[in-house]
Amino acid sequence: MKLIIYKLLLLFFLCTALTQYSYSQKIYSCDSKYDADLKVYVVDSKYDADLLVYRVDSKYDVNYNGLWYFVDSKYDADKIVYFVDSKYDADLLIYFVDSKYDAKWRKKSKKYLIY
């Protein structure tokens, strides 16, 4: 019986760790909207944004709440984005913040776009 409990606990911790890893936001910015997973527009005000984003310097600092790390290769990315010129063409409106503590979702209904 104890062995079954230990196996279930191990399975739970493994699933939790893999889930956290899969939610990371390593971003690649591409040149074609047809290659992108997501079309993004940068708004002028944080009040118009769906997501407040802080650009981190290390891929180990990313999370699904707006801490983005931009990679040099699309093969290293979790999401490929294309920055559009109009907010009406965008799937997600973002605003770059100056502090990682300000990064967060403003419209949680759009979270599915990142996962």
Protein backbone atom coordinates (compact mmCIF):
# COMPACT_ATOMS: atom_id res chain seq x y z
CA MET A 1 0.00 0.00 0.00
CA LYS A 2 2.82 2.40 0.87
CA LEU A 3 4.46 1.68 -2.48
CA ILE A 4 1.32 2.74 -4.33
CA ILE A 5 1.13 5.98 -2.35
CA TYR A 6 4.79 6.75 -3.08
CA LYS A 7 4.25 6.07 -6.79
CA LEU A 8 1.22 8.37 -6.85
CA LEU A 9 3.15 11.13 -5.07
CA LEU A 10 6.04 10.77 -7.49
CA LEU A 11 3.66 10.91 -10.45
CA PHE A 12 2.01 14.03 -9.00
CA PHE A 13 5.35 15.84 -8.54
CA LEU A 14 6.54 14.88 -12.03
CA CYS A 15 3.33 16.15 -13.61
CA THR A 16 3.57 19.38 -11.64
CA ALA A 17 7.18 19.96 -12.71
CA LEU A 18 6.41 19.26 -16.38
CA THR A 19 3.39 21.54 -16.27
CA GLN A 20 5.46 24.42 -14.90
CA TYR A 21 8.09 23.89 -17.59
CA SER A 22 5.54 23.81 -20.41
CA TYR A 23 4.12 27.19 -19.39
CA SER A 24 7.34 29.07 -19.92
CA GLN A 25 7.38 31.97 -22.33
CA LYS A 26 10.44 31.88 -24.50
CA ILE A 27 9.45 34.09 -27.40
CA TYR A 28 10.74 34.32 -30.95
CA SER A 29 9.75 37.33 -33.04
CA CYS A 30 9.33 36.34 -36.69
CA ASP A 31 9.07 38.41 -39.88
CA SER A 32 5.93 36.81 -41.29
CA LYS A 33 2.48 36.62 -39.75
CA TYR A 34 1.98 33.26 -41.45
CA ASP A 35 4.84 31.72 -39.45
CA ALA A 36 3.54 33.04 -36.13
CA ASP A 37 1.57 31.29 -33.44
CA LEU A 38 0.32 34.62 -32.23
CA LYS A 39 -0.12 38.14 -33.61
CA VAL A 40 0.82 40.78 -31.04
CA TYR A 41 0.35 44.54 -30.90
CA VAL A 42 2.17 46.82 -28.47
CA VAL A 43 -0.24 49.40 -27.06
CA ASP A 44 0.67 52.84 -25.69
CA SER A 45 -1.12 52.45 -22.36
CA LYS A 46 -1.07 49.60 -19.87
CA TYR A 47 -4.82 50.09 -19.42
CA ASP A 48 -5.43 49.02 -23.03
CA ALA A 49 -3.31 45.87 -22.74
CA ASP A 50 -4.39 42.27 -22.29
CA LEU A 51 -0.99 41.39 -20.84
CA LEU A 52 1.69 43.50 -19.16
CA VAL A 53 5.06 42.13 -20.27
CA TYR A 54 8.51 42.48 -18.79
CA ARG A 55 11.46 41.42 -20.89
CA VAL A 56 13.85 39.30 -18.80
CA ASP A 57 17.54 38.70 -19.46
CA SER A 58 17.58 34.99 -18.69
CA LYS A 59 15.49 32.12 -20.01
CA TYR A 60 15.32 30.81 -16.44
CA ASP A 61 13.31 33.84 -15.30
CA VAL A 62 10.34 33.33 -17.63
CA ASN A 63 6.83 32.50 -16.50
CA TYR A 64 3.34 32.53 -17.90
CA ASN A 65 2.39 35.79 -16.19
CA GLY A 66 4.21 38.15 -18.52
CA LEU A 67 7.91 37.51 -18.03
CA TRP A 68 9.19 36.97 -21.56
CA TYR A 69 12.61 35.98 -22.80
CA PHE A 70 13.30 36.59 -26.49
CA VAL A 71 15.31 33.80 -28.13
CA ASP A 72 17.39 33.99 -31.32
CA SER A 73 15.99 30.83 -32.91
CA LYS A 74 12.40 29.82 -33.48
CA TYR A 75 13.39 26.25 -32.57
CA ASP A 76 14.20 27.38 -29.02
CA ALA A 77 10.91 29.24 -28.61
CA ASP A 78 7.73 28.21 -26.86
CA LYS A 79 5.75 30.76 -28.87
CA ILE A 80 6.46 32.46 -32.17
CA VAL A 81 5.00 35.95 -32.36
CA TYR A 82 4.55 38.50 -35.09
CA PHE A 83 4.23 42.16 -34.15
CA VAL A 84 1.41 43.71 -36.19
CA ASP A 85 0.92 47.39 -37.03
CA SER A 86 -2.72 47.58 -35.98
CA LYS A 87 -4.39 46.45 -32.78
CA TYR A 88 -7.34 45.24 -34.85
CA ASP A 89 -5.11 42.62 -36.49
CA ALA A 90 -3.75 41.38 -33.17
CA ASP A 91 -4.66 38.34 -31.13
CA LEU A 92 -3.04 39.80 -28.03
CA LEU A 93 -2.45 43.40 -26.91
CA ILE A 94 0.65 43.85 -24.77
CA TYR A 95 2.37 46.68 -22.94
CA PHE A 96 6.03 46.53 -21.90
CA VAL A 97 6.48 47.46 -18.24
CA ASP A 98 9.64 48.65 -16.49
CA SER A 99 9.52 46.22 -13.57
CA LYS A 100 9.10 42.46 -13.49
CA TYR A 101 6.76 42.91 -10.52
CA ASP A 102 4.31 44.81 -12.73
CA ALA A 103 4.05 41.99 -15.29
CA LYS A 104 0.62 40.36 -15.18
CA TRP A 105 -2.52 39.49 -17.05
CA ARG A 106 -5.11 42.23 -17.30
CA LYS A 107 -7.53 40.09 -19.33
CA LYS A 108 -7.27 36.55 -18.05
CA SER A 109 -9.68 35.37 -20.73
CA LYS A 110 -6.78 35.56 -23.22
CA LYS A 111 -4.44 33.30 -21.24
CA TYR A 112 -5.24 30.39 -23.54
CA LEU A 113 -3.26 32.13 -26.31
CA ILE A 114 0.02 31.56 -24.49
CA TYR A 115 -0.50 27.92 -23.45
